[in-house]
Amino acid sequence: MRVIALVLVLAGLAASVVAAAPAGKVYRIGLLVVSSASEYRLNVDAFREGLRELGYVEGHNAVLEYKWVEGRYDRLSDLAVELVRSKVDVIVTHGTPGTRAAERASKTIPIIMATVGDPEEQGLVASLARPGGNITGLSQLFSELVAKRAELLKELAPGISRLAVLMNPANPSHRPQMFRQVEAVALSLGMELYQSPITTAEDFEPAFSRMAKRRSRPSWSSRTD
């Protein structure tokens, strides 16, 4: 899913980088990614392949500058500023926190967001149809999809009565309002829902243990989007 998302976003990336640029220019592309290089390897491979298909080859006419946050959101602002100082032509961001950090760092450098929850609600864009400013990219329509997943789970297993939602309290996309929206859908379907916070990979095992004790089924899981 994320590999496909990064490939699709390349069209917007290319448009932002190429527009009105001089012939023979070597483009500097910054990547601000909240996960690690090992976790995001397939996405980066797809990104490079998409660039090659558009005529941009790393080390030839394109330079990719990677900033790996490795789950430490406190590093986002500093790394975003570093990309701006290195005078990249465009910044590709991963997730809502990364996009917000890039937006705070620059109001002029084009920012291409990937796997962002709800950019309009977060104030990153004016609207989905007309983003405005220097930010464009892809949205997961996060709240709507999480609610829909609850509906699909109930359809697949009509007998379930308890549902758990894994959420990262450090991610602005995982806001209390979203949880209440999903809770309303779950209650309308006759399911009890509870929130299980996840901030690191080590949190998953105890979270699933708690689910097993409560006999709940997880509806969604993500640390970064």
C-alpha atoms as a PDB file:
ATOM      1  CA  MET A   1       0.000   0.000   0.000  1.00  0.00           C
ATOM      2  CA  ARG A   2       2.696   2.521   0.956  1.00  0.00           C
ATOM      3  CA  VAL A   3       4.931   1.465  -1.950  1.00  0.00           C
ATOM      4  CA  ILE A   4       2.074   2.182  -4.350  1.00  0.00           C
ATOM      5  CA  ALA A   5       1.405   5.496  -2.647  1.00  0.00           C
ATOM      6  CA  LEU A   6       4.992   6.679  -3.093  1.00  0.00           C
ATOM      7  CA  VAL A   7       5.029   5.663  -6.756  1.00  0.00           C
ATOM      8  CA  LEU A   8       1.805   7.565  -7.403  1.00  0.00           C
ATOM      9  CA  VAL A   9       3.052  10.697  -5.683  1.00  0.00           C
ATOM     10  CA  LEU A  10       6.003  10.912  -8.082  1.00  0.00           C
ATOM     11  CA  ALA A  11       3.894  12.616 -10.726  1.00  0.00           C
ATOM     12  CA  GLY A  12       3.263  15.548  -8.376  1.00  0.00           C
ATOM     13  CA  LEU A  13       6.899  15.517  -7.300  1.00  0.00           C
ATOM     14  CA  ALA A  14       8.154  15.721 -10.874  1.00  0.00           C
ATOM     15  CA  ALA A  15       5.761  18.548 -11.724  1.00  0.00           C
ATOM     16  CA  SER A  16       6.963  20.598  -8.745  1.00  0.00           C
ATOM     17  CA  VAL A  17      10.657  20.025  -9.467  1.00  0.00           C
ATOM     18  CA  VAL A  18      10.691  20.485 -13.225  1.00  0.00           C
ATOM     19  CA  ALA A  19       8.468  23.554 -13.545  1.00  0.00           C
ATOM     20  CA  ALA A  20      10.427  26.523 -14.946  1.00  0.00           C
ATOM     21  CA  ALA A  21      13.765  24.922 -14.050  1.00  0.00           C
ATOM     22  CA  PRO A  22      16.877  25.483 -16.228  1.00  0.00           C
ATOM     23  CA  ALA A  23      18.054  22.725 -18.545  1.00  0.00           C
ATOM     24  CA  GLY A  24      20.828  20.540 -17.142  1.00  0.00           C
ATOM     25  CA  LYS A  25      19.987  21.280 -13.538  1.00  0.00           C
ATOM     26  CA  VAL A  26      20.765  18.659 -10.904  1.00  0.00           C
ATOM     27  CA  TYR A  27      17.715  18.425  -8.649  1.00  0.00           C
ATOM     28  CA  ARG A  28      18.039  18.054  -4.894  1.00  0.00           C
ATOM     29  CA  ILE A  29      15.180  16.046  -3.406  1.00  0.00           C
ATOM     30  CA  GLY A  30      14.791  15.856   0.352  1.00  0.00           C
ATOM     31  CA  LEU A  31      13.016  12.928   2.002  1.00  0.00           C
ATOM     32  CA  LEU A  32      11.769  13.377   5.564  1.00  0.00           C
ATOM     33  CA  VAL A  33      10.664   9.943   6.777  1.00  0.00           C
ATOM     34  CA  VAL A  34       9.434   9.201  10.291  1.00  0.00           C
ATOM     35  CA  SER A  35      10.462   5.529  10.171  1.00  0.00           C
ATOM     36  CA  SER A  36      13.910   3.952   9.619  1.00  0.00           C
ATOM     37  CA  ALA A  37      15.799   3.175   6.416  1.00  0.00           C
ATOM     38  CA  SER A  38      15.287  -0.569   6.909  1.00  0.00           C
ATOM     39  CA  GLU A  39      11.528  -0.203   7.474  1.00  0.00           C
ATOM     40  CA  TYR A  40      11.116   2.044   4.447  1.00  0.00           C
ATOM     41  CA  ARG A  41      13.487   0.284   2.040  1.00  0.00           C
ATOM     42  CA  LEU A  42      10.791  -0.952  -0.370  1.00  0.00           C
ATOM     43  CA  ASN A  43       9.211   2.488  -0.502  1.00  0.00           C
ATOM     44  CA  VAL A  44      12.529   4.154  -1.311  1.00  0.00           C
ATOM     45  CA  ASP A  45      13.272   1.555  -3.997  1.00  0.00           C
ATOM     46  CA  ALA A  46       9.883   2.297  -5.582  1.00  0.00           C
ATOM     47  CA  PHE A  47      10.576   6.022  -5.276  1.00  0.00           C
ATOM     48  CA  ARG A  48      13.914   5.730  -7.085  1.00  0.00           C
ATOM     49  CA  GLU A  49      12.354   3.557  -9.800  1.00  0.00           C
ATOM     50  CA  GLY A  50       9.595   6.084 -10.337  1.00  0.00           C
ATOM     51  CA  LEU A  51      12.145   8.875 -10.642  1.00  0.00           C
ATOM     52  CA  ARG A  52      14.113   6.867 -13.215  1.00  0.00           C
ATOM     53  CA  GLU A  53      10.966   6.362 -15.267  1.00  0.00           C
ATOM     54  CA  LEU A  54      10.527  10.138 -15.285  1.00  0.00           C
ATOM     55  CA  GLY A  55      14.140  10.679 -16.355  1.00  0.00           C
ATOM     56  CA  TYR A  56      15.724  11.477 -12.981  1.00  0.00           C
ATOM     57  CA  VAL A  57      18.609   9.232 -11.955  1.00  0.00           C
ATOM     58  CA  GLU A  58      20.153   9.447  -8.497  1.00  0.00           C
ATOM     59  CA  GLY A  59      23.798  10.447  -8.787  1.00  0.00           C
ATOM     60  CA  HIS A  60      23.315  11.793 -12.324  1.00  0.00           C
ATOM     61  CA  ASN A  61      20.725  14.550 -12.521  1.00  0.00           C
ATOM     62  CA  ALA A  62      19.160  14.028  -9.093  1.00  0.00           C
ATOM     63  CA  VAL A  63      20.499  14.019  -5.540  1.00  0.00           C
ATOM     64  CA  LEU A  64      18.384  12.426  -2.811  1.00  0.00           C
ATOM     65  CA  GLU A  65      18.972  13.670   0.710  1.00  0.00           C
ATOM     66  CA  TYR A  66      17.504  11.296   3.293  1.00  0.00           C
ATOM     67  CA  LYS A  67      16.451  12.246   6.818  1.00  0.00           C
ATOM     68  CA  TRP A  68      15.429   9.189   8.854  1.00  0.00           C
ATOM     69  CA  VAL A  69      13.576  10.041  12.058  1.00  0.00           C
ATOM     70  CA  GLU A  70      13.368   6.376  13.204  1.00  0.00           C
ATOM     71  CA  GLY A  71      10.179   6.978  15.152  1.00  0.00           C
ATOM     72  CA  ARG A  72      11.595   9.889  17.176  1.00  0.00           C
ATOM     73  CA  TYR A  73       9.149  12.675  16.425  1.00  0.00           C
ATOM     74  CA  ASP A  74      11.197  15.101  18.511  1.00  0.00           C
ATOM     75  CA  ARG A  75      13.834  15.068  15.731  1.00  0.00           C
ATOM     76  CA  LEU A  76      11.430  16.111  12.959  1.00  0.00           C
ATOM     77  CA  SER A  77      11.739  19.888  13.280  1.00  0.00           C
ATOM     78  CA  ASP A  78      15.547  19.904  13.309  1.00  0.00           C
ATOM     79  CA  LEU A  79      15.790  17.516  10.340  1.00  0.00           C
ATOM     80  CA  ALA A  80      13.262  19.525   8.354  1.00  0.00           C
ATOM     81  CA  VAL A  81      15.297  22.684   8.967  1.00  0.00           C
ATOM     82  CA  GLU A  82      18.436  20.843   7.826  1.00  0.00           C
ATOM     83  CA  LEU A  83      16.747  20.007   4.518  1.00  0.00           C
ATOM     84  CA  VAL A  84      15.763  23.634   4.022  1.00  0.00           C
ATOM     85  CA  ARG A  85      19.306  24.804   4.798  1.00  0.00           C
ATOM     86  CA  SER A  86      20.706  22.340   2.245  1.00  0.00           C
ATOM     87  CA  LYS A  87      18.553  24.133  -0.369  1.00  0.00           C
ATOM     88  CA  VAL A  88      16.601  21.143  -1.646  1.00  0.00           C
ATOM     89  CA  ASP A  89      14.256  21.790  -4.568  1.00  0.00           C
ATOM     90  CA  VAL A  90      11.432  19.750  -3.083  1.00  0.00           C
ATOM     91  CA  ILE A  91      10.689  17.886   0.166  1.00  0.00           C
ATOM     92  CA  VAL A  92       8.868  14.556   0.185  1.00  0.00           C
ATOM     93  CA  THR A  93       7.341  13.827   3.572  1.00  0.00           C
ATOM     94  CA  HIS A  94       6.029  10.651   5.191  1.00  0.00           C
ATOM     95  CA  GLY A  95       3.080  10.985   7.531  1.00  0.00           C
ATOM     96  CA  THR A  96       1.278  13.883   9.168  1.00  0.00           C
ATOM     97  CA  PRO A  97       3.992  14.782  11.739  1.00  0.00           C
ATOM     98  CA  GLY A  98       6.662  14.931   9.026  1.00  0.00           C
ATOM     99  CA  THR A  99       4.504  17.119   6.803  1.00  0.00           C
ATOM    100  CA  ARG A 100       3.756  19.498   9.640  1.00  0.00           C
ATOM    101  CA  ALA A 101       7.471  19.786  10.441  1.00  0.00           C
ATOM    102  CA  ALA A 102       8.310  20.535   6.801  1.00  0.00           C
ATOM    103  CA  GLU A 103       5.495  23.082   6.588  1.00  0.00           C
ATOM    104  CA  ARG A 104       6.854  24.896   9.636  1.00  0.00           C
ATOM    105  CA  ALA A 105      10.367  24.859   8.161  1.00  0.00           C
ATOM    106  CA  SER A 106       9.459  26.378   4.790  1.00  0.00           C
ATOM    107  CA  LYS A 107       6.552  28.208   3.182  1.00  0.00           C
ATOM    108  CA  THR A 108       8.196  28.294  -0.262  1.00  0.00           C
ATOM    109  CA  ILE A 109       9.869  24.935  -0.989  1.00  0.00           C
ATOM    110  CA  PRO A 110       7.339  22.529  -2.617  1.00  0.00           C
ATOM    111  CA  ILE A 111       6.292  19.809  -0.164  1.00  0.00           C
ATOM    112  CA  ILE A 112       4.913  16.504  -1.458  1.00  0.00           C
ATOM    113  CA  MET A 113       3.118  14.591   1.306  1.00  0.00           C
ATOM    114  CA  ALA A 114       2.578  10.848   1.291  1.00  0.00           C
ATOM    115  CA  THR A 115       0.294   8.793   3.587  1.00  0.00           C
ATOM    116  CA  VAL A 116      -1.103  11.801   5.441  1.00  0.00           C
ATOM    117  CA  GLY A 117      -4.246  11.265   7.506  1.00  0.00           C
ATOM    118  CA  ASP A 118      -6.444  14.312   6.854  1.00  0.00           C
ATOM    119  CA  PRO A 119      -4.422  17.310   5.619  1.00  0.00           C
ATOM    120  CA  GLU A 120      -7.432  19.618   5.424  1.00  0.00           C
ATOM    121  CA  GLU A 121      -8.463  19.019   9.020  1.00  0.00           C
ATOM    122  CA  GLN A 122      -4.836  19.405  10.138  1.00  0.00           C
ATOM    123  CA  GLY A 123      -4.633  22.802   8.422  1.00  0.00           C
ATOM    124  CA  LEU A 124      -1.922  21.665   5.999  1.00  0.00           C
ATOM    125  CA  VAL A 125      -3.998  22.495   2.913  1.00  0.00           C
ATOM    126  CA  ALA A 126      -6.930  24.801   2.209  1.00  0.00           C
ATOM    127  CA  SER A 127      -8.925  21.937   0.711  1.00  0.00           C
ATOM    128  CA  LEU A 128      -8.344  18.555  -0.933  1.00  0.00           C
ATOM    129  CA  ALA A 129      -9.459  19.913  -4.314  1.00  0.00           C
ATOM    130  CA  ARG A 130      -7.347  23.098  -4.098  1.00  0.00           C
ATOM    131  CA  PRO A 131      -4.509  22.646  -1.599  1.00  0.00           C
ATOM    132  CA  GLY A 132      -3.001  26.103  -2.098  1.00  0.00           C
ATOM    133  CA  GLY A 133       0.304  27.111  -0.515  1.00  0.00           C
ATOM    134  CA  ASN A 134       3.363  24.926  -1.091  1.00  0.00           C
ATOM    135  CA  ILE A 135       1.902  21.521  -0.082  1.00  0.00           C
ATOM    136  CA  THR A 136       0.282  18.822  -2.197  1.00  0.00           C
ATOM    137  CA  GLY A 137       0.269  15.023  -2.296  1.00  0.00           C
ATOM    138  CA  LEU A 138      -1.860  12.137  -1.041  1.00  0.00           C
ATOM    139  CA  SER A 139      -4.361  11.729   1.785  1.00  0.00           C
ATOM    140  CA  GLN A 140      -5.617   8.509   3.345  1.00  0.00           C
ATOM    141  CA  LEU A 141      -8.902  10.134   4.446  1.00  0.00           C
ATOM    142  CA  PHE A 142      -7.966   8.583   7.750  1.00  0.00           C
ATOM    143  CA  SER A 143     -11.125   8.937   9.854  1.00  0.00           C
ATOM    144  CA  GLU A 144     -13.386   7.692   7.104  1.00  0.00           C
ATOM    145  CA  LEU A 145     -11.215   4.650   6.393  1.00  0.00           C
ATOM    146  CA  VAL A 146     -10.878   3.619  10.037  1.00  0.00           C
ATOM    147  CA  ALA A 147     -14.638   3.832  10.472  1.00  0.00           C
ATOM    148  CA  LYS A 148     -15.148   1.852   7.277  1.00  0.00           C
ATOM    149  CA  ARG A 149     -12.778  -0.863   8.509  1.00  0.00           C
ATOM    150  CA  ALA A 150     -14.916  -1.225  11.622  1.00  0.00           C
ATOM    151  CA  GLU A 151     -17.948  -1.717   9.383  1.00  0.00           C
ATOM    152  CA  LEU A 152     -16.123  -4.305   7.273  1.00  0.00           C
ATOM    153  CA  LEU A 153     -15.009  -6.238  10.362  1.00  0.00           C
ATOM    154  CA  LYS A 154     -18.606  -6.384  11.587  1.00  0.00           C
ATOM    155  CA  GLU A 155     -19.731  -7.550   8.152  1.00  0.00           C
ATOM    156  CA  LEU A 156     -17.057 -10.284   8.042  1.00  0.00           C
ATOM    157  CA  ALA A 157     -17.638 -11.398  11.640  1.00  0.00           C
ATOM    158  CA  PRO A 158     -21.194 -10.395  12.664  1.00  0.00           C
ATOM    159  CA  GLY A 159     -20.780 -11.962  16.091  1.00  0.00           C
ATOM    160  CA  ILE A 160     -18.000  -9.685  17.352  1.00  0.00           C
ATOM    161  CA  SER A 161     -18.939  -7.343  20.183  1.00  0.00           C
ATOM    162  CA  ARG A 162     -15.600  -5.786  21.164  1.00  0.00           C
ATOM    163  CA  LEU A 163     -13.190  -3.818  19.009  1.00  0.00           C
ATOM    164  CA  ALA A 164      -9.765  -2.301  19.779  1.00  0.00           C
ATOM    165  CA  VAL A 165      -8.149   0.605  17.942  1.00  0.00           C
ATOM    166  CA  LEU A 166      -4.359   0.941  18.056  1.00  0.00           C
ATOM    167  CA  MET A 167      -3.382   4.612  18.113  1.00  0.00           C
ATOM    168  CA  ASN A 168      -0.218   6.657  18.510  1.00  0.00           C
ATOM    169  CA  PRO A 169      -0.939   9.547  20.911  1.00  0.00           C
ATOM    170  CA  ALA A 170       2.130  11.405  19.578  1.00  0.00           C
ATOM    171  CA  ASN A 171       0.655  11.540  16.058  1.00  0.00           C
ATOM    172  CA  PRO A 172      -1.790  14.440  15.454  1.00  0.00           C
ATOM    173  CA  SER A 173      -3.755  12.274  13.016  1.00  0.00           C
ATOM    174  CA  HIS A 174      -4.679   9.973  15.891  1.00  0.00           C
ATOM    175  CA  ARG A 175      -6.666  12.638  17.653  1.00  0.00           C
ATOM    176  CA  PRO A 176      -9.393  12.034  20.246  1.00  0.00           C
ATOM    177  CA  GLN A 177     -12.021  13.330  17.789  1.00  0.00           C
ATOM    178  CA  MET A 178     -11.138  10.528  15.359  1.00  0.00           C
ATOM    179  CA  PHE A 179     -11.469   7.956  18.117  1.00  0.00           C
ATOM    180  CA  ARG A 180     -14.895   9.315  19.038  1.00  0.00           C
ATOM    181  CA  GLN A 181     -15.963   9.128  15.390  1.00  0.00           C
ATOM    182  CA  VAL A 182     -14.932   5.480  15.150  1.00  0.00           C
ATOM    183  CA  GLU A 183     -16.498   4.785  18.538  1.00  0.00           C
ATOM    184  CA  ALA A 184     -19.818   6.175  17.300  1.00  0.00           C
ATOM    185  CA  VAL A 185     -19.713   3.834  14.297  1.00  0.00           C
ATOM    186  CA  ALA A 186     -18.781   0.866  16.494  1.00  0.00           C
ATOM    187  CA  LEU A 187     -21.604   1.576  18.943  1.00  0.00           C
ATOM    188  CA  SER A 188     -24.086   1.884  16.097  1.00  0.00           C
ATOM    189  CA  LEU A 189     -23.022  -1.627  15.059  1.00  0.00           C
ATOM    190  CA  GLY A 190     -23.399  -2.999  18.572  1.00  0.00           C
ATOM    191  CA  MET A 191     -19.680  -3.152  19.376  1.00  0.00           C
ATOM    192  CA  GLU A 192     -17.783  -1.946  22.432  1.00  0.00           C
ATOM    193  CA  LEU A 193     -14.616  -0.106  21.411  1.00  0.00           C
ATOM    194  CA  TYR A 194     -11.512   0.851  23.360  1.00  0.00           C
ATOM    195  CA  GLN A 195      -8.269   2.626  22.520  1.00  0.00           C
ATOM    196  CA  SER A 196      -4.855   1.033  22.961  1.00  0.00           C
ATOM    197  CA  PRO A 197      -1.905   3.477  22.731  1.00  0.00           C
ATOM    198  CA  ILE A 198       1.109   2.476  20.625  1.00  0.00           C
ATOM    199  CA  THR A 199       4.249   4.625  20.501  1.00  0.00           C
ATOM    200  CA  THR A 200       7.037   2.104  19.812  1.00  0.00           C
ATOM    201  CA  ALA A 201       7.357  -1.346  18.256  1.00  0.00           C
ATOM    202  CA  GLU A 202       7.754  -2.782  21.756  1.00  0.00           C
ATOM    203  CA  ASP A 203       4.215  -1.672  22.596  1.00  0.00           C
ATOM    204  CA  PHE A 204       2.548  -4.045  20.138  1.00  0.00           C
ATOM    205  CA  GLU A 205       3.016  -7.301  22.055  1.00  0.00           C
ATOM    206  CA  PRO A 206       1.487  -6.066  25.339  1.00  0.00           C
ATOM    207  CA  ALA A 207      -1.275  -4.321  23.369  1.00  0.00           C
ATOM    208  CA  PHE A 208      -2.254  -7.563  21.656  1.00  0.00           C
ATOM    209  CA  SER A 209      -2.068  -9.349  25.008  1.00  0.00           C
ATOM    210  CA  ARG A 210      -4.563  -6.855  26.426  1.00  0.00           C
ATOM    211  CA  MET A 211      -6.791  -7.425  23.402  1.00  0.00           C
ATOM    212  CA  ALA A 212      -6.709 -11.164  23.937  1.00  0.00           C
ATOM    213  CA  LYS A 213      -7.754 -10.725  27.565  1.00  0.00           C
ATOM    214  CA  ARG A 214     -10.630  -8.474  26.505  1.00  0.00           C
ATOM    215  CA  ARG A 215     -11.437 -10.763  23.560  1.00  0.00           C
ATOM    216  CA  SER A 216     -11.224  -7.803  21.166  1.00  0.00           C
ATOM    217  CA  ARG A 217     -10.277  -7.702  17.510  1.00  0.00           C
ATOM    218  CA  PRO A 218      -7.923  -4.957  16.262  1.00  0.00           C
ATOM    219  CA  SER A 219      -9.427  -2.676  13.619  1.00  0.00           C
ATOM    220  CA  TRP A 220      -6.358  -0.729  12.595  1.00  0.00           C
ATOM    221  CA  SER A 221      -2.650  -0.365  13.304  1.00  0.00           C
ATOM    222  CA  SER A 222      -0.091   2.283  12.305  1.00  0.00           C
ATOM    223  CA  ARG A 223       2.662   4.145  14.091  1.00  0.00           C
ATOM    224  CA  THR A 224       3.519   6.681  11.423  1.00  0.00           C
ATOM    225  CA  ASP A 225       0.734   7.825   9.098  1.00  0.00           C
END
